[in-house]
PDB file of N, CA and C in Angstrom:
ATOM      1  N   UNK A   1     -45.635-100.016 -73.682  1.00  0.00           N
ATOM      2  CA  UNK A   1     -46.528-100.641 -74.637  1.00  0.00           C
ATOM      3  C   UNK A   1     -47.639 -99.662 -74.986  1.00  0.00           C
ATOM      4  N   UNK A   2     -48.164 -99.794 -76.176  1.00  0.00           N
ATOM      5  CA  UNK A   2     -49.180 -98.865 -76.668  1.00  0.00           C
ATOM      6  C   UNK A   2     -50.441 -99.633 -77.037  1.00  0.00           C
ATOM      7  N   UNK A   3     -51.586 -99.033 -76.767  1.00  0.00           N
ATOM      8  CA  UNK A   3     -52.869 -99.601 -77.179  1.00  0.00           C
ATOM      9  C   UNK A   3     -53.802 -98.463 -77.562  1.00  0.00           C
ATOM     10  N   UNK A   4     -54.779 -98.752 -78.390  1.00  0.00           N
ATOM     11  CA  UNK A   4     -55.757 -97.749 -78.809  1.00  0.00           C
ATOM     12  C   UNK A   4     -57.074 -98.063 -78.115  1.00  0.00           C
ATOM     13  N   UNK A   5     -57.647 -97.058 -77.455  1.00  0.00           N
ATOM     14  CA  UNK A   5     -58.918 -97.230 -76.748  1.00  0.00           C
ATOM     15  C   UNK A   5     -59.858 -96.095 -77.122  1.00  0.00           C
ATOM     16  N   UNK A   6     -61.157 -96.320 -76.922  1.00  0.00           N
ATOM     17  CA  UNK A   6     -62.154 -95.275 -77.167  1.00  0.00           C
ATOM     18  C   UNK A   6     -62.517 -94.623 -75.849  1.00  0.00           C
ATOM     19  N   UNK A   7     -62.823 -93.343 -75.927  1.00  0.00           N
ATOM     20  CA  UNK A   7     -63.271 -92.638 -74.733  1.00  0.00           C
ATOM     21  C   UNK A   7     -64.755 -92.905 -74.530  1.00  0.00           C
ATOM     22  N   UNK A   8     -65.171 -92.858 -73.261  1.00  0.00           N
ATOM     23  CA  UNK A   8     -66.580 -93.047 -72.912  1.00  0.00           C
ATOM     24  C   UNK A   8     -66.990 -91.974 -71.919  1.00  0.00           C
ATOM     25  N   UNK A   9     -68.228 -91.565 -72.012  1.00  0.00           N
ATOM     26  CA  UNK A   9     -68.774 -90.538 -71.114  1.00  0.00           C
ATOM     27  C   UNK A   9     -69.147 -91.202 -69.790  1.00  0.00           C
ATOM     28  N   UNK A  10     -68.647 -90.644 -68.684  1.00  0.00           N
ATOM     29  CA  UNK A  10     -68.978 -91.098 -67.331  1.00  0.00           C
ATOM     30  C   UNK A  10     -69.416 -89.877 -66.543  1.00  0.00           C
ATOM     31  N   UNK A  11     -70.715 -89.674 -66.433  1.00  0.00           N
ATOM     32  CA  UNK A  11     -71.216 -88.488 -65.741  1.00  0.00           C
ATOM     33  C   UNK A  11     -70.772 -87.240 -66.469  1.00  0.00           C
ATOM     34  N   UNK A  12     -70.080 -86.349 -65.754  1.00  0.00           N
ATOM     35  CA  UNK A  12     -69.559 -85.127 -66.369  1.00  0.00           C
ATOM     36  C   UNK A  12     -68.133 -85.300 -66.882  1.00  0.00           C
ATOM     37  N   UNK A  13     -67.608 -86.514 -66.780  1.00  0.00           N
ATOM     38  CA  UNK A  13     -66.221 -86.778 -67.171  1.00  0.00           C
ATOM     39  C   UNK A  13     -66.166 -87.670 -68.403  1.00  0.00           C
ATOM     40  N   UNK A  14     -64.965 -87.860 -68.898  1.00  0.00           N
ATOM     41  CA  UNK A  14     -64.706 -88.791 -69.991  1.00  0.00           C
ATOM     42  C   UNK A  14     -63.639 -89.756 -69.498  1.00  0.00           C
ATOM     43  N   UNK A  15     -63.844 -91.045 -69.749  1.00  0.00           N
ATOM     44  CA  UNK A  15     -62.885 -92.040 -69.285  1.00  0.00           C
ATOM     45  C   UNK A  15     -62.533 -93.018 -70.386  1.00  0.00           C
ATOM     46  N   UNK A  16     -61.573 -93.866 -70.102  1.00  0.00           N
ATOM     47  CA  UNK A  16     -61.169 -94.921 -71.034  1.00  0.00           C
ATOM     48  C   UNK A  16     -61.204 -96.257 -70.306  1.00  0.00           C
ATOM     49  N   UNK A  17     -61.449 -97.308 -71.066  1.00  0.00           N
ATOM     50  CA  UNK A  17     -61.420 -98.662 -70.515  1.00  0.00           C
ATOM     51  C   UNK A  17     -60.255 -99.382 -71.173  1.00  0.00           C
ATOM     52  N   UNK A  18     -59.381 -99.942 -70.359  1.00  0.00           N
ATOM     53  CA  UNK A  18     -58.229-100.673 -70.880  1.00  0.00           C
ATOM     54  C   UNK A  18     -58.626-102.127 -71.102  1.00  0.00           C
ATOM     55  N   UNK A  19     -58.281-102.708 -72.251  1.00  0.00           N
ATOM     56  CA  UNK A  19     -58.597-104.110 -72.505  1.00  0.00           C
ATOM     57  C   UNK A  19     -57.922-105.023 -71.479  1.00  0.00           C
ATOM     58  N   UNK A  20     -58.611-106.097 -71.104  1.00  0.00           N
ATOM     59  CA  UNK A  20     -58.109-107.018 -70.075  1.00  0.00           C
ATOM     60  C   UNK A  20     -56.736-107.573 -70.432  1.00  0.00           C
ATOM     61  N   UNK A  21     -56.534-107.914 -71.698  1.00  0.00           N
ATOM     62  CA  UNK A  21     -55.246-108.463 -72.124  1.00  0.00           C
ATOM     63  C   UNK A  21     -54.116-107.458 -71.889  1.00  0.00           C
ATOM     64  N   UNK A  22     -54.364-106.194 -72.198  1.00  0.00           N
ATOM     65  CA  UNK A  22     -53.380-105.136 -71.984  1.00  0.00           C
ATOM     66  C   UNK A  22     -53.078-104.984 -70.492  1.00  0.00           C
ATOM     67  N   UNK A  23     -54.120-105.025 -69.666  1.00  0.00           N
ATOM     68  CA  UNK A  23     -53.961-104.891 -68.209  1.00  0.00           C
ATOM     69  C   UNK A  23     -53.097-106.026 -67.665  1.00  0.00           C
ATOM     70  N   UNK A  24     -53.340-107.249 -68.137  1.00  0.00           N
ATOM     71  CA  UNK A  24     -52.547-108.401 -67.677  1.00  0.00           C
ATOM     72  C   UNK A  24     -51.090-108.280 -68.107  1.00  0.00           C
ATOM     73  N   UNK A  25     -50.873-107.896 -69.371  1.00  0.00           N
ATOM     74  CA  UNK A  25     -49.506-107.778 -69.886  1.00  0.00           C
ATOM     75  C   UNK A  25     -48.703-106.732 -69.126  1.00  0.00           C
ATOM     76  N   UNK A  26     -49.370-105.650 -68.738  1.00  0.00           N
ATOM     77  CA  UNK A  26     -48.685-104.543 -68.079  1.00  0.00           C
ATOM     78  C   UNK A  26     -48.739-104.631 -66.555  1.00  0.00           C
ATOM     79  N   UNK A  27     -49.382-105.676 -66.035  1.00  0.00           N
ATOM     80  CA  UNK A  27     -49.504-105.873 -64.579  1.00  0.00           C
ATOM     81  C   UNK A  27     -50.118-104.643 -63.909  1.00  0.00           C
ATOM     82  N   UNK A  28     -51.234-104.175 -64.470  1.00  0.00           N
ATOM     83  CA  UNK A  28     -51.938-103.011 -63.932  1.00  0.00           C
ATOM     84  C   UNK A  28     -52.982-103.494 -62.938  1.00  0.00           C
ATOM     85  N   UNK A  29     -53.064-102.803 -61.797  1.00  0.00           N
ATOM     86  CA  UNK A  29     -54.019-103.165 -60.743  1.00  0.00           C
ATOM     87  C   UNK A  29     -54.868-101.952 -60.397  1.00  0.00           C
ATOM     88  N   UNK A  30     -56.089-102.185 -59.891  1.00  0.00           N
ATOM     89  CA  UNK A  30     -56.930-101.058 -59.470  1.00  0.00           C
ATOM     90  C   UNK A  30     -56.183-100.170 -58.477  1.00  0.00           C
ATOM     91  N   UNK A  31     -56.260 -98.872 -58.685  1.00  0.00           N
ATOM     92  CA  UNK A  31     -55.585 -97.918 -57.806  1.00  0.00           C
ATOM     93  C   UNK A  31     -54.198 -97.525 -58.283  1.00  0.00           C
ATOM     94  N   UNK A  32     -53.655 -98.223 -59.292  1.00  0.00           N
ATOM     95  CA  UNK A  32     -52.338 -97.859 -59.834  1.00  0.00           C
ATOM     96  C   UNK A  32     -52.410 -96.494 -60.514  1.00  0.00           C
ATOM     97  N   UNK A  33     -51.330 -95.740 -60.433  1.00  0.00           N
ATOM     98  CA  UNK A  33     -51.220 -94.476 -61.159  1.00  0.00           C
ATOM     99  C   UNK A  33     -50.638 -94.770 -62.540  1.00  0.00           C
ATOM    100  N   UNK A  34     -51.249 -94.198 -63.568  1.00  0.00           N
ATOM    101  CA  UNK A  34     -50.780 -94.385 -64.940  1.00  0.00           C
ATOM    102  C   UNK A  34     -50.514 -93.030 -65.579  1.00  0.00           C
ATOM    103  N   UNK A  35     -49.542 -92.982 -66.454  1.00  0.00           N
ATOM    104  CA  UNK A  35     -49.269 -91.787 -67.243  1.00  0.00           C
ATOM    105  C   UNK A  35     -49.847 -92.048 -68.632  1.00  0.00           C
ATOM    106  N   UNK A  36     -50.704 -91.144 -69.094  1.00  0.00           N
ATOM    107  CA  UNK A  36     -51.346 -91.313 -70.397  1.00  0.00           C
ATOM    108  C   UNK A  36     -50.813 -90.256 -71.352  1.00  0.00           C
ATOM    109  N   UNK A  37     -50.315 -90.705 -72.489  1.00  0.00           N
ATOM    110  CA  UNK A  37     -49.825 -89.813 -73.541  1.00  0.00           C
ATOM    111  C   UNK A  37     -50.923 -89.729 -74.597  1.00  0.00           C
ATOM    112  N   UNK A  38     -51.600 -88.598 -74.673  1.00  0.00           N
ATOM    113  CA  UNK A  38     -52.721 -88.432 -75.595  1.00  0.00           C
ATOM    114  C   UNK A  38     -52.200 -87.962 -76.946  1.00  0.00           C
ATOM    115  N   UNK A  39     -52.523 -88.733 -77.979  1.00  0.00           N
ATOM    116  CA  UNK A  39     -52.142 -88.372 -79.340  1.00  0.00           C
ATOM    117  C   UNK A  39     -53.419 -88.203 -80.143  1.00  0.00           C
ATOM    118  N   UNK A  40     -53.468 -87.124 -80.894  1.00  0.00           N
ATOM    119  CA  UNK A  40     -54.652 -86.858 -81.701  1.00  0.00           C
ATOM    120  C   UNK A  40     -54.703 -87.826 -82.878  1.00  0.00           C
ATOM    121  N   UNK A  41     -55.856 -88.423 -83.060  1.00  0.00           N
ATOM    122  CA  UNK A  41     -56.041 -89.329 -84.178  1.00  0.00           C
ATOM    123  C   UNK A  41     -56.087 -88.506 -85.458  1.00  0.00           C
ATOM    124  N   UNK A  42     -55.387 -88.969 -86.489  1.00  0.00           N
ATOM    125  CA  UNK A  42     -55.376 -88.238 -87.747  1.00  0.00           C
ATOM    126  C   UNK A  42     -55.676 -89.182 -88.902  1.00  0.00           C
ATOM    127  N   UNK A  43     -56.133 -88.606 -89.981  1.00  0.00           N
ATOM    128  CA  UNK A  43     -56.494 -89.365 -91.164  1.00  0.00           C
ATOM    129  C   UNK A  43     -55.309 -89.381 -92.121  1.00  0.00           C
ATOM    130  N   UNK A  44     -54.715 -90.540 -92.297  1.00  0.00           N
ATOM    131  CA  UNK A  44     -53.536 -90.674 -93.150  1.00  0.00           C
ATOM    132  C   UNK A  44     -53.877 -90.359 -94.602  1.00  0.00           C
ATOM    133  N   UNK A  45     -55.082 -90.724 -95.039  1.00  0.00           N
ATOM    134  CA  UNK A  45     -55.462 -90.464 -96.427  1.00  0.00           C
ATOM    135  C   UNK A  45     -55.500 -88.975 -96.734  1.00  0.00           C
ATOM    136  N   UNK A  46     -55.955 -88.165 -95.776  1.00  0.00           N
ATOM    137  CA  UNK A  46     -55.983 -86.721 -95.991  1.00  0.00           C
ATOM    138  C   UNK A  46     -54.570 -86.175 -96.168  1.00  0.00           C
ATOM    139  N   UNK A  47     -53.631 -86.722 -95.415  1.00  0.00           N
ATOM    140  CA  UNK A  47     -52.248 -86.254 -95.516  1.00  0.00           C
ATOM    141  C   UNK A  47     -51.626 -86.639 -96.857  1.00  0.00           C
ATOM    142  N   UNK A  48     -51.996 -87.821 -97.362  1.00  0.00           N
ATOM    143  CA  UNK A  48     -51.405 -88.309 -98.599  1.00  0.00           C
ATOM    144  C   UNK A  48     -52.070 -87.747 -99.849  1.00  0.00           C
ATOM    145  N   UNK A  49     -53.305 -87.258 -99.734  1.00  0.00           N
ATOM    146  CA  UNK A  49     -54.033 -86.782-100.906  1.00  0.00           C
ATOM    147  C   UNK A  49     -53.256 -85.663-101.596  1.00  0.00           C
ATOM    148  N   UNK A  50     -52.930 -85.892-102.846  1.00  0.00           N
ATOM    149  CA  UNK A  50     -52.205 -84.899-103.627  1.00  0.00           C
ATOM    150  C   UNK A  50     -50.705 -84.909-103.405  1.00  0.00           C
ATOM    151  N   UNK A  51     -50.214 -85.761-102.532  1.00  0.00           N
ATOM    152  CA  UNK A  51     -48.786 -85.775-102.227  1.00  0.00           C
ATOM    153  C   UNK A  51     -47.994 -86.637-103.208  1.00  0.00           C
ATOM    154  N   UNK A  52     -48.658 -87.613-103.824  1.00  0.00           N
ATOM    155  CA  UNK A  52     -47.959 -88.515-104.728  1.00  0.00           C
ATOM    156  C   UNK A  52     -48.154 -88.062-106.175  1.00  0.00           C
ATOM    157  N   UNK A  53     -47.078 -87.862-106.886  1.00  0.00           N
ATOM    158  CA  UNK A  53     -47.219 -87.423-108.275  1.00  0.00           C
ATOM    159  C   UNK A  53     -47.633 -88.592-109.174  1.00  0.00           C
ATOM    160  N   UNK A  54     -48.531 -88.313-110.127  1.00  0.00           N
ATOM    161  CA  UNK A  54     -48.920 -89.308-111.110  1.00  0.00           C
ATOM    162  C   UNK A  54     -48.151 -89.043-112.392  1.00  0.00           C
ATOM    163  N   UNK A  55     -47.960 -90.091-113.178  1.00  0.00           N
ATOM    164  CA  UNK A  55     -47.236 -89.923-114.435  1.00  0.00           C
ATOM    165  C   UNK A  55     -48.085 -89.182-115.460  1.00  0.00           C
ATOM    166  N   UNK A  56     -49.427 -89.346-115.349  1.00  0.00           N
ATOM    167  CA  UNK A  56     -50.331 -88.686-116.287  1.00  0.00           C
ATOM    168  C   UNK A  56     -51.312 -87.824-115.498  1.00  0.00           C
ATOM    169  N   UNK A  57     -51.711 -86.698-116.072  1.00  0.00           N
ATOM    170  CA  UNK A  57     -52.717 -85.872-115.396  1.00  0.00           C
ATOM    171  C   UNK A  57     -54.059 -86.608-115.316  1.00  0.00           C
ATOM    172  N   UNK A  58     -54.865 -86.247-114.349  1.00  0.00           N
ATOM    173  CA  UNK A  58     -56.152 -86.896-114.128  1.00  0.00           C
ATOM    174  C   UNK A  58     -57.048 -86.806-115.356  1.00  0.00           C
ATOM    175  N   UNK A  59     -57.088 -85.644-115.990  1.00  0.00           N
ATOM    176  CA  UNK A  59     -57.934 -85.471-117.177  1.00  0.00           C
ATOM    177  C   UNK A  59     -57.548 -86.446-118.285  1.00  0.00           C
ATOM    178  N   UNK A  60     -56.265 -86.647-118.466  1.00  0.00           N
ATOM    179  CA  UNK A  60     -55.798 -87.561-119.505  1.00  0.00           C
ATOM    180  C   UNK A  60     -56.200 -88.996-119.163  1.00  0.00           C
ATOM    181  N   UNK A  61     -56.087 -89.380-117.904  1.00  0.00           N
ATOM    182  CA  UNK A  61     -56.496 -90.719-117.482  1.00  0.00           C
ATOM    183  C   UNK A  61     -57.986 -90.935-117.723  1.00  0.00           C
ATOM    184  N   UNK A  62     -58.809 -89.923-117.435  1.00  0.00           N
ATOM    185  CA  UNK A  62     -60.248 -90.024-117.661  1.00  0.00           C
ATOM    186  C   UNK A  62     -60.565 -90.176-119.147  1.00  0.00           C
ATOM    187  N   UNK A  63     -59.911 -89.373-119.986  1.00  0.00           N
ATOM    188  CA  UNK A  63     -60.138 -89.462-121.432  1.00  0.00           C
ATOM    189  C   UNK A  63     -59.783 -90.852-121.951  1.00  0.00           C
ATOM    190  N   UNK A  64     -58.647 -91.378-121.506  1.00  0.00           N
ATOM    191  CA  UNK A  64     -58.212 -92.699-121.955  1.00  0.00           C
ATOM    192  C   UNK A  64     -59.179 -93.785-121.508  1.00  0.00           C
ATOM    193  N   UNK A  65     -59.659 -93.695-120.280  1.00  0.00           N
ATOM    194  CA  UNK A  65     -60.589 -94.720-119.791  1.00  0.00           C
ATOM    195  C   UNK A  65     -61.921 -94.640-120.532  1.00  0.00           C
ATOM    196  N   UNK A  66     -62.378 -93.425-120.858  1.00  0.00           N
ATOM    197  CA  UNK A  66     -63.622 -93.270-121.623  1.00  0.00           C
ATOM    198  C   UNK A  66     -63.470 -93.855-123.027  1.00  0.00           C
ATOM    199  N   UNK A  67     -62.346 -93.565-123.676  1.00  0.00           N
ATOM    200  CA  UNK A  67     -62.101 -94.106-125.013  1.00  0.00           C
ATOM    201  C   UNK A  67     -62.085 -95.633-124.975  1.00  0.00           C
ATOM    202  N   UNK A  68     -61.451 -96.180-123.961  1.00  0.00           N
ATOM    203  CA  UNK A  68     -61.358 -97.631-123.827  1.00  0.00           C
ATOM    204  C   UNK A  68     -62.743 -98.244-123.627  1.00  0.00           C
ATOM    205  N   UNK A  69     -63.556 -97.631-122.791  1.00  0.00           N
ATOM    206  CA  UNK A  69     -64.910 -98.137-122.556  1.00  0.00           C
ATOM    207  C   UNK A  69     -65.767 -98.028-123.811  1.00  0.00           C
ATOM    208  N   UNK A  70     -65.665 -96.901-124.516  1.00  0.00           N
ATOM    209  CA  UNK A  70     -66.443 -96.711-125.740  1.00  0.00           C
ATOM    210  C   UNK A  70     -66.057 -97.740-126.795  1.00  0.00           C
ATOM    211  N   UNK A  71     -64.766 -98.009-126.930  1.00  0.00           N
ATOM    212  CA  UNK A  71     -64.326 -98.967-127.944  1.00  0.00           C
ATOM    213  C   UNK A  71     -64.797-100.382-127.607  1.00  0.00           C
ATOM    214  N   UNK A  72     -64.908-100.727-126.350  1.00  0.00           N
ATOM    215  CA  UNK A  72     -65.384-102.054-125.954  1.00  0.00           C
ATOM    216  C   UNK A  72     -66.875-102.206-126.234  1.00  0.00           C
ATOM    217  N   UNK A  73     -67.636-101.144-126.052  1.00  0.00           N
ATOM    218  CA  UNK A  73     -69.091-101.222-126.207  1.00  0.00           C
ATOM    219  C   UNK A  73     -69.550-100.953-127.631  1.00  0.00           C
ATOM    220  N   UNK A  74     -68.726-100.336-128.435  1.00  0.00           N
ATOM    221  CA  UNK A  74     -69.134 -99.958-129.788  1.00  0.00           C
ATOM    222  C   UNK A  74     -68.754-100.995-130.839  1.00  0.00           C
ATOM    223  N   UNK A  75     -68.212-102.090-130.468  1.00  0.00           N
ATOM    224  CA  UNK A  75     -67.763-103.104-131.440  1.00  0.00           C
ATOM    225  C   UNK A  75     -68.910-103.742-132.138  1.00  0.00           C
TER     226      UNK A  75
END
């Protein structure tokens, strides 16, 4: 089972606190040995930025939106 936790500073060390519900589900007891698989948190938006092609270039979309706004306000 997987859960996401935040690290906390404990003296000169860094530790994690497991949520009580997770501990109960996994039958974890004080003194148990656990294997922790550390995965670096990443920003999905950064990975997707520029990856999806648009049908129209950004400049064209801006021009069209400006024209639309001007026509609504200039009536």
